[in-house]
N, C-alpha and C. Protein backbone atom coordinates (compact mmCIF):
# COMPACT_ATOMS: atom_id res chain seq x y z
N UNK A 1 -58.67 6.59 17.71
CA UNK A 1 -60.08 5.77 17.43
C UNK A 1 -59.59 5.87 15.37
N UNK A 2 -60.33 4.87 14.81
CA UNK A 2 -60.33 4.71 13.27
C UNK A 2 -61.79 4.41 13.16
N UNK A 3 -62.73 5.34 12.51
CA UNK A 3 -64.28 5.35 11.92
C UNK A 3 -63.88 4.41 10.79
N UNK A 4 -64.38 3.08 11.05
CA UNK A 4 -64.19 2.21 9.68
C UNK A 4 -64.56 2.78 8.44
N UNK A 5 -64.26 2.82 7.27
CA UNK A 5 -65.01 3.17 5.83
C UNK A 5 -65.92 2.47 5.84
N UNK A 6 -66.53 2.96 5.16
CA UNK A 6 -68.03 2.85 4.74
C UNK A 6 -68.83 2.14 6.18
N UNK A 7 -68.44 2.96 7.00
CA UNK A 7 -69.21 2.53 7.86
C UNK A 7 -70.60 2.94 8.09
N UNK A 8 -70.95 4.07 7.57
CA UNK A 8 -71.99 4.69 7.69
C UNK A 8 -72.95 4.67 6.08
N UNK A 9 -72.55 3.60 5.35
CA UNK A 9 -72.94 3.71 3.86
C UNK A 9 -74.36 3.31 4.01
N UNK A 10 -75.35 2.40 4.50
CA UNK A 10 -76.41 2.01 4.76
C UNK A 10 -77.03 2.77 4.95
N UNK A 11 -76.83 4.26 5.65
CA UNK A 11 -77.74 4.81 6.72
C UNK A 11 -78.53 5.84 5.99
N UNK A 12 -77.77 6.59 4.56
CA UNK A 12 -78.69 6.97 3.79
C UNK A 12 -78.88 8.29 4.56
N UNK A 13 -80.38 9.31 4.25
CA UNK A 13 -80.81 10.19 4.54
C UNK A 13 -80.73 10.32 5.93
N UNK A 14 -81.08 9.34 6.53
CA UNK A 14 -81.49 9.05 7.88
C UNK A 14 -80.65 9.93 9.21
N UNK A 15 -78.81 9.95 8.50
CA UNK A 15 -78.66 10.43 9.82
C UNK A 15 -78.21 12.04 9.69
N UNK A 16 -78.30 12.73 10.20
CA UNK A 16 -77.82 14.13 9.94
C UNK A 16 -76.80 14.54 11.55
N UNK A 17 -76.69 13.48 12.65
CA UNK A 17 -75.75 14.10 13.70
C UNK A 17 -75.02 12.66 13.90
N UNK A 18 -73.61 13.35 13.88
CA UNK A 18 -72.80 12.18 14.58
C UNK A 18 -72.21 13.09 15.98
N UNK A 19 -72.11 12.68 17.08
CA UNK A 19 -71.35 12.76 18.58
C UNK A 19 -70.75 12.16 18.55
N UNK A 20 -68.70 12.44 18.50
CA UNK A 20 -67.55 11.79 18.87
C UNK A 20 -67.42 12.38 20.24
N UNK A 21 -68.33 11.65 21.01
CA UNK A 21 -67.84 12.15 22.46
C UNK A 21 -66.70 11.85 23.21
N UNK A 22 -66.34 10.55 22.84
CA UNK A 22 -65.48 9.71 23.35
C UNK A 22 -63.69 9.39 22.70
N UNK A 23 -63.78 9.77 20.90
CA UNK A 23 -63.03 9.75 20.29
C UNK A 23 -62.31 11.38 19.95
N UNK A 24 -60.73 11.71 20.28
CA UNK A 24 -60.44 13.06 19.88
C UNK A 24 -59.06 12.52 18.96
N UNK A 25 -58.70 12.88 17.64
CA UNK A 25 -59.68 12.98 16.56
C UNK A 25 -59.71 11.38 16.14
N UNK A 26 -61.35 10.88 15.54
CA UNK A 26 -60.79 9.68 14.78
C UNK A 26 -60.12 10.17 13.35
N UNK A 27 -59.48 9.35 12.50
CA UNK A 27 -59.29 9.31 11.21
C UNK A 27 -60.15 9.07 10.00
N UNK A 28 -60.50 10.53 9.51
CA UNK A 28 -61.37 10.76 8.65
C UNK A 28 -60.72 10.15 7.39
N UNK A 29 -61.29 9.01 6.51
CA UNK A 29 -60.47 9.07 4.96
C UNK A 29 -61.61 9.02 4.11
N UNK A 30 -62.21 7.62 3.93
CA UNK A 30 -63.26 7.67 2.66
C UNK A 30 -64.67 7.66 3.62
N UNK A 31 -64.41 7.58 4.72
CA UNK A 31 -65.59 6.99 5.61
C UNK A 31 -67.24 7.84 5.42
N UNK A 32 -67.10 9.18 5.03
CA UNK A 32 -67.67 9.60 4.56
C UNK A 32 -68.37 10.14 3.17
N UNK A 33 -67.73 9.46 2.58
CA UNK A 33 -67.32 9.77 1.33
C UNK A 33 -68.28 8.86 0.48
N UNK A 34 -69.04 8.13 1.02
CA UNK A 34 -69.25 7.32 -0.05
C UNK A 34 -71.02 7.27 0.36
N UNK A 35 -71.72 8.19 0.65
CA UNK A 35 -73.26 7.95 1.13
C UNK A 35 -73.53 9.60 0.68
N UNK A 36 -75.07 9.71 0.73
CA UNK A 36 -75.78 10.85 0.62
C UNK A 36 -75.85 11.77 1.36
N UNK A 37 -75.63 11.41 2.68
CA UNK A 37 -76.40 12.40 3.57
C UNK A 37 -75.33 13.54 4.48
N UNK A 38 -73.99 13.33 3.23
CA UNK A 38 -72.75 14.37 3.84
C UNK A 38 -73.53 15.71 3.94
N UNK A 39 -74.18 16.34 2.58
CA UNK A 39 -74.24 17.38 2.88
C UNK A 39 -75.43 18.10 3.65
N UNK A 40 -75.88 16.92 4.80
CA UNK A 40 -76.72 17.70 5.78
C UNK A 40 -76.15 16.73 7.31
N UNK A 41 -74.84 16.63 7.05
CA UNK A 41 -74.45 15.73 8.53
C UNK A 41 -73.55 16.84 9.41
N UNK A 42 -74.08 16.83 10.63
CA UNK A 42 -73.23 17.81 11.56
C UNK A 42 -72.58 16.95 12.19
N UNK A 43 -71.01 17.31 12.74
CA UNK A 43 -70.32 16.27 13.47
C UNK A 43 -69.80 17.25 14.60
N UNK A 44 -70.67 16.53 16.32
CA UNK A 44 -70.33 17.14 17.07
C UNK A 44 -69.36 16.70 18.06
N UNK A 45 -67.70 17.46 18.11
CA UNK A 45 -66.20 16.67 18.61
C UNK A 45 -65.96 17.59 19.77
N UNK A 46 -64.99 17.17 20.27
CA UNK A 46 -64.11 18.07 21.50
C UNK A 46 -63.28 18.88 21.01
N UNK A 47 -62.53 18.05 20.11
CA UNK A 47 -61.29 19.12 19.28
C UNK A 47 -61.88 19.68 17.91
N UNK A 48 -62.18 20.94 18.03
CA UNK A 48 -62.84 21.09 16.02
C UNK A 48 -61.41 21.01 15.01
N UNK A 49 -60.33 22.11 15.61
CA UNK A 49 -59.48 22.31 14.91
C UNK A 49 -58.65 20.95 14.56
N UNK A 50 -58.69 19.69 15.64
CA UNK A 50 -58.17 18.55 15.05
C UNK A 50 -58.56 17.48 14.04
N UNK A 51 -60.05 17.67 13.97
CA UNK A 51 -61.00 17.19 13.16
C UNK A 51 -60.48 17.86 11.91
N UNK A 52 -60.71 18.86 11.49
CA UNK A 52 -60.68 20.10 10.26
C UNK A 52 -59.32 20.01 10.06
N UNK A 53 -58.13 18.82 10.86
CA UNK A 53 -56.83 18.72 9.94
C UNK A 53 -57.10 17.62 9.22
N UNK A 54 -58.13 16.27 10.00
CA UNK A 54 -58.02 15.23 9.29
C UNK A 54 -58.55 15.28 7.94
N UNK A 55 -58.67 14.31 7.16
CA UNK A 55 -59.15 13.82 5.89
C UNK A 55 -60.47 14.07 5.46
N UNK A 56 -60.91 14.92 4.51
CA UNK A 56 -62.47 14.96 4.22
C UNK A 56 -63.24 15.41 5.06
N UNK A 57 -62.82 16.42 6.13
CA UNK A 57 -64.07 17.23 6.86
C UNK A 57 -64.74 18.04 5.80
N UNK A 58 -64.04 18.40 5.25
CA UNK A 58 -65.27 19.67 4.19
C UNK A 58 -66.13 18.84 3.09
N UNK A 59 -66.23 17.85 3.16
CA UNK A 59 -67.28 17.17 3.02
C UNK A 59 -68.44 17.33 4.08
N UNK A 60 -68.64 17.34 5.05
CA UNK A 60 -69.87 17.49 5.70
C UNK A 60 -70.32 18.54 6.00
N UNK A 61 -70.95 18.81 6.57
CA UNK A 61 -71.86 20.30 6.58
C UNK A 61 -71.09 20.94 7.27
N UNK A 62 -71.18 20.86 8.75
CA UNK A 62 -70.61 21.79 9.53
C UNK A 62 -69.64 20.42 10.84
N UNK A 63 -68.62 21.02 11.38
CA UNK A 63 -68.33 20.57 12.77
C UNK A 63 -68.60 21.57 13.87
N UNK A 64 -69.18 20.77 14.67
CA UNK A 64 -69.33 21.76 15.92
C UNK A 64 -68.63 21.11 17.14
N UNK A 65 -68.49 22.04 18.22
CA UNK A 65 -67.78 21.66 19.51
C UNK A 65 -68.95 21.19 20.60
N UNK A 66 -68.43 20.20 21.09
CA UNK A 66 -69.14 19.89 21.98
C UNK A 66 -69.15 20.78 23.29
N UNK A 67 -69.81 20.95 23.90
CA UNK A 67 -69.89 22.20 25.44
C UNK A 67 -69.58 23.52 25.17
N UNK A 68 -69.67 23.90 23.64
CA UNK A 68 -69.86 25.26 23.40
C UNK A 68 -70.81 26.29 23.90
N UNK A 69 -70.40 27.07 24.38
CA UNK A 69 -71.50 28.65 25.22
C UNK A 69 -71.27 29.48 23.84
N UNK A 70 -70.55 29.88 23.37
CA UNK A 70 -70.16 30.92 22.89
C UNK A 70 -69.84 30.73 21.52
N UNK A 71 -70.07 31.84 20.25
CA UNK A 71 -69.61 31.29 19.22
C UNK A 71 -69.40 32.68 18.52
N UNK A 72 -67.86 33.33 18.10
CA UNK A 72 -67.83 34.13 16.92
C UNK A 72 -68.67 34.53 15.79
N UNK A 73 -69.35 35.38 15.65
CA UNK A 73 -70.31 35.46 14.23
C UNK A 73 -69.36 35.59 13.64
N UNK A 74 -68.54 36.31 13.38
CA UNK A 74 -67.66 36.58 12.16
C UNK A 74 -66.76 35.17 11.66
N UNK A 75 -66.17 34.59 12.81
CA UNK A 75 -65.19 33.68 12.20
C UNK A 75 -66.12 32.41 12.21
N UNK A 76 -67.11 31.96 13.30
CA UNK A 76 -67.93 30.86 13.56
C UNK A 76 -67.14 30.29 14.23
N UNK A 77 -66.45 30.35 14.81
CA UNK A 77 -65.28 29.53 16.11
C UNK A 77 -66.52 29.54 17.01
N UNK A 78 -66.25 28.37 17.28
CA UNK A 78 -67.21 28.33 18.79
C UNK A 78 -66.23 27.89 20.19
N UNK A 79 -66.59 28.16 21.22
CA UNK A 79 -65.54 28.39 22.65
C UNK A 79 -67.10 27.42 23.63
N UNK A 80 -65.72 26.98 24.98
CA UNK A 80 -66.32 26.64 25.49
C UNK A 80 -66.18 27.37 27.26
N UNK A 81 -65.46 28.39 26.40
CA UNK A 81 -65.42 29.10 27.72
C UNK A 81 -65.20 31.11 26.69
N UNK A 82 -66.50 31.33 27.89
CA UNK A 82 -66.99 33.25 27.71
C UNK A 82 -65.53 33.62 27.37
N UNK A 83 -64.64 33.80 28.43
CA UNK A 83 -63.91 34.75 28.41
C UNK A 83 -62.82 34.67 27.25
N UNK A 84 -62.61 33.23 26.86
CA UNK A 84 -61.66 32.93 25.47
C UNK A 84 -62.10 33.58 24.44
N UNK A 85 -63.68 33.44 23.92
CA UNK A 85 -64.24 33.93 23.03
C UNK A 85 -64.20 35.40 23.09
N UNK A 86 -64.72 36.22 24.26
CA UNK A 86 -63.84 37.77 24.28
C UNK A 86 -62.70 38.42 23.79
N UNK A 87 -61.35 36.94 24.71
CA UNK A 87 -60.39 37.59 24.13
C UNK A 87 -59.83 37.44 22.86
N UNK A 88 -60.51 37.06 21.91
CA UNK A 88 -60.43 36.62 20.71
C UNK A 88 -61.56 37.39 19.68
N UNK A 89 -62.17 38.38 20.26
CA UNK A 89 -63.33 38.88 19.47
C UNK A 89 -62.92 39.66 18.38
N UNK A 90 -61.81 40.12 18.67
CA UNK A 90 -61.36 41.25 17.20
C UNK A 90 -62.80 42.19 16.73
N UNK A 91 -63.33 42.74 17.45
CA UNK A 91 -64.33 43.67 16.79
C UNK A 91 -65.68 42.97 16.76
N UNK A 92 -65.73 41.35 16.24
CA UNK A 92 -66.99 40.92 16.20
C UNK A 92 -67.86 40.55 17.54
N UNK A 93 -69.16 39.95 16.86
CA UNK A 93 -69.51 39.66 17.98
C UNK A 93 -70.18 38.43 18.67
N UNK A 94 -69.85 38.21 19.82
CA UNK A 94 -69.97 36.93 20.53
C UNK A 94 -71.05 36.36 20.69
N UNK A 95 -71.83 35.59 20.87
CA UNK A 95 -72.95 35.29 20.82
C UNK A 95 -73.13 34.07 21.88
N UNK A 96 -74.00 34.47 22.70
CA UNK A 96 -74.02 33.32 23.97
C UNK A 96 -74.67 32.22 23.49
N UNK A 97 -74.40 30.74 23.58
CA UNK A 97 -75.26 29.65 23.00
C UNK A 97 -75.83 28.59 24.07
N UNK A 98 -75.52 29.32 24.75
CA UNK A 98 -76.39 28.21 26.05
C UNK A 98 -76.02 28.99 27.91
N UNK A 99 -76.97 28.93 28.33
CA UNK A 99 -77.06 29.47 29.87
C UNK A 99 -75.48 29.40 30.32
N UNK A 100 -74.85 30.24 30.79
CA UNK A 100 -73.48 30.16 31.46
C UNK A 100 -73.29 30.42 33.06
N UNK A 101 -72.87 29.93 33.27
CA UNK A 101 -72.43 29.84 35.03
C UNK A 101 -71.28 30.14 35.04
N UNK A 102 -70.64 31.51 35.36
CA UNK A 102 -69.38 31.20 34.93
C UNK A 102 -68.71 30.78 36.36
N UNK A 103 -66.69 30.22 35.94
CA UNK A 103 -66.90 29.84 37.27
C UNK A 103 -65.45 30.73 37.90
N UNK A 104 -65.08 32.35 36.72
CA UNK A 104 -64.42 33.45 37.59
C UNK A 104 -65.05 34.75 36.73
N UNK A 105 -64.80 35.65 37.21
CA UNK A 105 -65.22 36.89 36.96
C UNK A 105 -64.41 37.11 34.88
N UNK A 106 -64.89 37.74 34.77
CA UNK A 106 -64.66 38.51 33.40
C UNK A 106 -64.33 39.48 32.80
N UNK A 107 -62.87 39.85 32.20
CA UNK A 107 -62.70 41.05 31.64
C UNK A 107 -62.46 41.29 30.59
N UNK A 108 -62.81 42.36 30.10
CA UNK A 108 -62.13 42.69 28.54
C UNK A 108 -61.41 43.56 28.88
N UNK A 109 -60.47 43.66 27.96
CA UNK A 109 -59.11 43.93 28.15
C UNK A 109 -59.19 44.83 27.71
N UNK A 110 -58.15 46.06 27.54
CA UNK A 110 -57.54 47.54 26.60
C UNK A 110 -57.84 47.11 25.75
N UNK A 111 -58.16 47.82 24.79
CA UNK A 111 -58.38 47.82 23.23
C UNK A 111 -58.64 46.42 22.42
N UNK A 112 -59.44 45.63 23.49
CA UNK A 112 -60.57 44.73 22.88
C UNK A 112 -62.20 45.19 22.60
N UNK A 113 -62.65 45.51 21.44
CA UNK A 113 -63.35 45.63 20.83
C UNK A 113 -65.08 44.36 20.81
N UNK A 114 -65.46 44.14 21.69
CA UNK A 114 -66.55 43.00 20.98
C UNK A 114 -68.00 43.65 21.54
N UNK A 115 -68.93 42.93 21.02
CA UNK A 115 -70.87 42.86 21.15
C UNK A 115 -71.08 41.96 21.67
N UNK A 116 -71.36 41.67 22.63
CA UNK A 116 -71.84 40.26 23.65
C UNK A 116 -73.66 40.40 23.39
N UNK A 117 -73.62 38.98 22.37
CA UNK A 117 -74.98 38.97 22.19
C UNK A 117 -75.88 38.14 23.11
N UNK A 118 -76.50 37.84 24.23
CA UNK A 118 -76.79 37.10 24.69
C UNK A 118 -77.83 35.93 24.59
N UNK A 119 -78.39 36.30 23.50
CA UNK A 119 -79.20 35.40 22.93
C UNK A 119 -80.77 34.71 23.60
N UNK A 120 -81.05 35.68 24.82
CA UNK A 120 -81.40 35.15 25.30
C UNK A 120 -81.58 34.18 26.56
N UNK A 121 -80.28 34.12 26.46
CA UNK A 121 -79.48 33.01 27.48
C UNK A 121 -79.09 33.97 28.94
N UNK A 122 -78.53 33.09 30.05
CA UNK A 122 -78.24 33.81 31.21
C UNK A 122 -77.10 33.86 31.06
N UNK A 123 -76.45 34.57 32.08
CA UNK A 123 -75.03 34.68 32.01
C UNK A 123 -74.84 35.01 33.73
N UNK A 124 -74.65 33.81 34.38
CA UNK A 124 -74.62 34.03 36.06
C UNK A 124 -73.18 33.98 36.61
N UNK A 125 -72.84 34.78 37.94
CA UNK A 125 -71.18 34.56 38.91
C UNK A 125 -72.09 34.89 40.10
N UNK A 126 -71.47 33.53 40.69
CA UNK A 126 -71.72 33.91 42.06
C UNK A 126 -70.28 34.00 42.67
N UNK A 127 -70.10 34.79 43.77
CA UNK A 127 -68.84 34.94 44.22
C UNK A 127 -68.42 35.51 46.00
N UNK A 128 -67.53 34.73 46.51
CA UNK A 128 -67.72 35.28 48.14
C UNK A 128 -66.55 35.88 48.13
N UNK A 129 -65.52 36.85 46.89
CA UNK A 129 -64.35 37.59 47.14
C UNK A 129 -65.08 38.86 47.32
N UNK A 130 -64.42 39.51 48.25
CA UNK A 130 -64.47 40.70 48.44
C UNK A 130 -64.03 42.20 47.37
N UNK A 131 -65.38 43.00 47.41
CA UNK A 131 -64.95 43.95 46.32
C UNK A 131 -64.61 43.07 44.79
N UNK A 132 -65.35 41.98 44.58
CA UNK A 132 -65.19 41.81 43.31
C UNK A 132 -66.17 41.80 42.37
N UNK A 133 -66.07 42.14 41.01
CA UNK A 133 -66.98 42.50 40.10
C UNK A 133 -67.25 41.06 39.37
N UNK A 134 -67.91 41.17 38.75
CA UNK A 134 -68.45 40.05 37.55
C UNK A 134 -67.81 40.49 36.39
N UNK A 135 -67.94 41.63 35.57
CA UNK A 135 -67.59 41.95 34.35
C UNK A 135 -66.15 42.98 34.41
N UNK A 136 -65.44 42.97 34.34
CA UNK A 136 -64.68 44.52 34.49
C UNK A 136 -64.40 44.66 33.02
N UNK A 137 -64.82 45.89 32.31
CA UNK A 137 -64.62 46.53 31.05
C UNK A 137 -63.46 47.83 31.16
N UNK A 138 -62.71 47.55 30.30
CA UNK A 138 -61.27 48.20 30.15
C UNK A 138 -61.14 48.08 28.50
N UNK A 139 -61.95 47.72 27.95
CA UNK A 139 -61.90 48.06 26.32
C UNK A 139 -63.64 49.00 26.04
N UNK A 140 -63.85 48.29 24.94
CA UNK A 140 -65.30 48.68 24.58
C UNK A 140 -66.45 47.22 24.10
N UNK A 141 -67.22 47.80 25.04
CA UNK A 141 -68.10 46.68 25.19
C UNK A 141 -69.55 46.41 25.04
N UNK A 142 -70.44 46.00 24.19
CA UNK A 142 -72.05 46.40 23.72
C UNK A 142 -72.19 45.16 23.91
N UNK A 143 -73.59 45.55 25.03
CA UNK A 143 -74.15 44.04 25.45
C UNK A 143 -75.67 44.35 24.60
N UNK A 144 -75.86 43.11 24.15
CA UNK A 144 -77.00 43.23 23.49
C UNK A 144 -77.85 41.87 23.67
N UNK A 145 -79.40 41.57 22.97
CA UNK A 145 -79.78 40.40 23.42
C UNK A 145 -80.65 40.07 22.07
N UNK A 146 -80.68 39.62 20.95
CA UNK A 146 -81.15 39.03 20.01
C UNK A 146 -82.47 38.60 19.91
N UNK A 147 -82.71 37.71 21.04
CA UNK A 147 -83.47 36.90 21.61
C UNK A 147 -84.01 37.68 22.90
N UNK A 148 -85.51 37.90 23.16
CA UNK A 148 -85.61 38.27 24.22
C UNK A 148 -85.36 37.18 25.49
N UNK A 149 -84.91 38.17 26.75
CA UNK A 149 -84.96 37.27 27.75
C UNK A 149 -83.55 37.17 28.62
N UNK A 150 -82.51 37.59 27.96
CA UNK A 150 -81.16 37.77 27.74
C UNK A 150 -80.88 38.60 29.43
N UNK A 151 -79.84 37.85 30.09
CA UNK A 151 -79.99 38.42 31.54
C UNK A 151 -78.15 38.20 31.58
N UNK A 152 -77.54 39.27 32.43
CA UNK A 152 -76.39 38.85 33.24
C UNK A 152 -76.72 39.34 34.25
N UNK A 153 -76.42 38.19 35.54
CA UNK A 153 -76.84 38.60 36.77
C UNK A 153 -75.53 38.32 37.56
N UNK A 154 -75.34 38.94 38.65
CA UNK A 154 -74.43 38.42 40.13
C UNK A 154 -74.73 38.53 41.29
N UNK A 155 -74.00 37.51 41.81
CA UNK A 155 -74.45 37.45 43.24
C UNK A 155 -73.12 37.52 44.19
N UNK A 156 -72.95 38.52 44.96
CA UNK A 156 -71.99 38.30 45.85
C UNK A 156 -72.15 38.34 47.36
N UNK A 157 -71.87 37.31 47.92
CA UNK A 157 -72.17 36.62 49.37
C UNK A 157 -71.14 37.27 50.37
N UNK A 158 -69.98 37.99 50.17
CA UNK A 158 -69.55 38.27 51.02
C UNK A 158 -69.86 39.09 52.37
N UNK A 159 -69.61 38.90 52.96
CA UNK A 159 -70.11 39.76 54.29
C UNK A 159 -68.76 40.11 55.77
N UNK A 160 -67.50 40.40 54.73
CA UNK A 160 -66.23 40.73 55.87
C UNK A 160 -65.75 42.17 54.67
N UNK A 161 -66.21 42.71 53.90
CA UNK A 161 -65.81 43.72 53.35
C UNK A 161 -66.40 44.76 54.41
N UNK A 162 -65.92 46.04 54.01
CA UNK A 162 -66.43 47.18 54.65
C UNK A 162 -66.84 48.48 53.96
N UNK A 163 -67.95 48.67 53.57
CA UNK A 163 -67.84 49.68 52.62
C UNK A 163 -67.76 49.38 51.20
N UNK A 164 -67.75 48.38 50.76
CA UNK A 164 -67.35 47.41 49.44
C UNK A 164 -68.39 47.59 48.07
N UNK A 165 -68.12 48.24 47.26
CA UNK A 165 -68.83 47.85 46.11
C UNK A 165 -68.71 46.81 45.40
N UNK A 166 -69.55 46.15 44.78
CA UNK A 166 -69.49 44.91 43.67
C UNK A 166 -70.60 45.11 42.84
N UNK A 167 -69.92 45.27 41.82
CA UNK A 167 -71.31 45.78 40.51
C UNK A 167 -71.16 44.26 39.35
N UNK A 168 -72.14 44.41 38.50
CA UNK A 168 -72.03 43.42 37.90
C UNK A 168 -71.16 43.54 36.47
N UNK A 169 -71.15 44.89 36.10
CA UNK A 169 -70.43 45.39 34.75
C UNK A 169 -69.47 46.39 35.60
N UNK A 170 -68.34 46.93 35.91
CA UNK A 170 -67.98 47.58 36.27
C UNK A 170 -67.20 48.31 34.88
N UNK A 171 -66.95 49.70 34.16
CA UNK A 171 -66.51 50.09 33.24
C UNK A 171 -65.71 51.40 33.58
N UNK A 172 -63.88 51.47 33.71
CA UNK A 172 -63.35 52.12 34.00
C UNK A 172 -62.85 53.08 32.90
N UNK A 173 -62.06 53.99 33.85
CA UNK A 173 -61.88 55.11 32.95
C UNK A 173 -60.99 54.65 31.18
N UNK A 174 -61.07 55.51 30.40
CA UNK A 174 -60.96 55.17 29.21
C UNK A 174 -62.09 54.31 28.30
N UNK A 175 -62.68 53.55 28.87
CA UNK A 175 -63.56 52.79 28.10
C UNK A 175 -65.04 52.87 27.61
N UNK A 176 -65.50 52.23 26.83
CA UNK A 176 -66.84 52.26 26.42
C UNK A 176 -67.88 51.16 27.20
N UNK A 177 -68.71 51.61 27.25
CA UNK A 177 -69.95 50.43 27.64
C UNK A 177 -71.40 50.79 26.74
N UNK A 178 -71.91 49.99 25.95
CA UNK A 178 -73.08 50.33 25.11
C UNK A 178 -73.89 49.24 25.95
N UNK A 179 -75.23 49.62 26.15
CA UNK A 179 -75.99 48.91 26.19
C UNK A 179 -77.31 48.77 25.17
N UNK A 180 -77.67 47.88 24.48
CA UNK A 180 -78.59 47.94 23.59
C UNK A 180 -79.72 47.06 23.90
N UNK A 181 -79.62 46.11 25.11
CA UNK A 181 -80.54 45.19 25.43
C UNK A 181 -79.94 44.28 26.39
N UNK A 182 -81.46 43.51 26.78
CA UNK A 182 -80.67 42.48 27.93
C UNK A 182 -80.88 42.96 29.57
N UNK A 183 -80.71 42.35 30.34
CA UNK A 183 -81.08 42.25 31.67
C UNK A 183 -79.95 42.37 32.38
N UNK A 184 -78.90 43.51 33.02
CA UNK A 184 -77.94 44.29 33.87
C UNK A 184 -78.83 44.07 35.08
N UNK A 185 -78.09 42.46 36.21
CA UNK A 185 -78.86 42.37 37.29
C UNK A 185 -77.58 42.41 38.20
N UNK A 186 -77.89 42.67 39.64
CA UNK A 186 -77.02 42.34 40.55
C UNK A 186 -77.81 42.16 41.90
N UNK A 187 -78.24 40.90 42.20
CA UNK A 187 -78.53 40.62 43.35
C UNK A 187 -78.19 40.61 44.65
N UNK A 188 -77.03 40.91 44.61
CA UNK A 188 -76.41 41.06 46.00
C UNK A 188 -77.03 41.42 46.93
N UNK A 189 -76.90 40.98 48.43
CA UNK A 189 -77.57 41.56 49.57
C UNK A 189 -76.82 42.75 49.92
N UNK A 190 -77.19 43.75 50.13
CA UNK A 190 -77.47 45.02 50.22
C UNK A 190 -77.08 45.30 51.78
N UNK A 191 -76.25 45.65 52.59
CA UNK A 191 -76.33 46.54 53.87
C UNK A 191 -75.88 47.74 54.21
N UNK A 192 -76.55 48.79 53.88
CA UNK A 192 -76.39 50.19 53.79
C UNK A 192 -76.02 50.23 55.51
N UNK A 193 -76.33 50.04 56.16
CA UNK A 193 -76.26 50.68 57.45
C UNK A 193 -75.09 50.16 58.50
N UNK A 194 -74.76 48.76 57.59
CA UNK A 194 -72.77 48.52 58.48
C UNK A 194 -72.21 48.73 57.53
N UNK A 195 -72.86 49.44 55.88
CA UNK A 195 -71.80 49.80 54.47
C UNK A 195 -71.11 48.09 54.33
N UNK A 196 -71.64 47.39 54.52
CA UNK A 196 -70.93 46.09 54.11
C UNK A 196 -70.83 45.90 52.56
N UNK A 197 -71.75 45.53 52.12
CA UNK A 197 -71.98 45.46 50.17
C UNK A 197 -72.88 46.93 49.64
N UNK A 198 -71.85 47.36 49.06
CA UNK A 198 -72.89 47.66 47.72
C UNK A 198 -73.20 47.72 46.81
N UNK A 199 -74.27 47.20 46.06
CA UNK A 199 -74.21 46.27 45.09
C UNK A 199 -74.63 47.42 43.81
N UNK A 200 -73.84 47.16 42.56
CA UNK A 200 -74.22 48.35 41.70
C UNK A 200 -74.90 47.11 40.35
N UNK A 201 -75.27 47.51 39.15
CA UNK A 201 -75.80 46.89 38.36
C UNK A 201 -74.93 47.09 37.30
N UNK A 202 -74.22 48.37 37.04
CA UNK A 202 -73.34 49.23 36.43
C UNK A 202 -72.36 50.11 37.42
N UNK A 203 -71.11 49.92 37.11
CA UNK A 203 -70.59 51.00 38.17
C UNK A 203 -69.63 51.96 36.91
N UNK A 204 -69.33 53.06 37.23
CA UNK A 204 -68.39 53.94 36.45
C UNK A 204 -67.14 54.26 37.35
N UNK A 205 -66.53 53.74 36.88
CA UNK A 205 -65.00 53.58 37.81
C UNK A 205 -64.10 55.25 37.53
N UNK A 206 -64.33 56.10 38.10
CA UNK A 206 -63.79 57.15 37.39
C UNK A 206 -63.22 57.45 38.67
N UNK A 207 -64.17 57.27 39.66
CA UNK A 207 -63.95 57.93 41.65
C UNK A 207 -63.52 59.51 41.29
N UNK A 208 -64.49 60.41 40.51
CA UNK A 208 -64.72 61.69 40.61
C UNK A 208 -63.29 62.16 39.72
N UNK A 209 -62.05 61.29 39.11
CA UNK A 209 -60.98 62.19 38.31
C UNK A 209 -60.02 61.33 38.13
N UNK A 210 -60.41 59.96 37.20
CA UNK A 210 -59.48 59.25 37.09
C UNK A 210 -59.73 59.28 35.56
N UNK A 211 -60.31 59.99 34.96
CA UNK A 211 -60.58 59.72 33.24
C UNK A 211 -62.05 59.94 32.60
N UNK A 212 -62.16 59.96 31.58
CA UNK A 212 -63.66 59.74 30.73
C UNK A 212 -64.10 58.22 30.71
N UNK A 213 -65.27 57.99 30.56
CA UNK A 213 -65.65 57.11 30.29
C UNK A 213 -67.27 57.34 29.86
N UNK A 214 -67.33 56.35 28.60
CA UNK A 214 -68.22 56.66 27.84
C UNK A 214 -69.64 55.47 27.94
N UNK A 215 -70.73 55.91 28.69
CA UNK A 215 -71.47 54.89 28.45
C UNK A 215 -72.76 55.29 27.69
N UNK A 216 -73.50 54.43 27.11
CA UNK A 216 -74.57 55.00 26.42
C UNK A 216 -75.85 53.43 26.82
N UNK A 217 -77.02 53.75 27.31
CA UNK A 217 -78.39 52.72 27.10
C UNK A 217 -79.00 53.49 26.60
N UNK A 218 -78.58 52.52 25.54
CA UNK A 218 -80.03 52.57 24.54
C UNK A 218 -81.42 51.42 24.70
N UNK A 219 -81.20 50.43 25.58
CA UNK A 219 -82.57 49.63 25.40
C UNK A 219 -81.70 48.63 26.84
N UNK A 220 -82.89 47.99 27.22
CA UNK A 220 -82.53 46.60 28.22
C UNK A 220 -83.27 47.32 29.39
């Protein structure tokens, strides 16, 4: 689609947000150049890179991603997937922008360093997979919440396992975990009598001799 030239000309300062929900992407030519709203205009789109490749995007205050759940606070890039944001963190803080219901478990890869700012939001996951952990940390993961109420919560509904541990965050040999804030919660139903599920909020996976793990809890 093409947004017609000067289609916003007479709106002036009354327009501050445009949501392009069905256009990927339009041609931005002179249509944002002839009115006084540009400095305060935010454009919400499905593909930020495609819009930034179009002409005159830099005349707009900001281009935001529709459905974004996380943002890299160093690059300002937004993501629809928390896993993708973590993968590309490169030592940066990833801020959670909205409550997130994960569709699959999260992995922090070896060599990855990321600070996860819960920002007062809730990141939740429910699974019936035997022995599955919500977040597996192989790198360096710091969890904090710049706004009160941030939470990571996990519920595993498996009833078939035998003496199976399931953790909200598991941190493996050679990794580092720092908790500066937020709530780490596991709501899975424990059944110690039959040893079906053994839930942990944080599990240190060294098994008594696989290597060192650094865990620091400063708050939360």
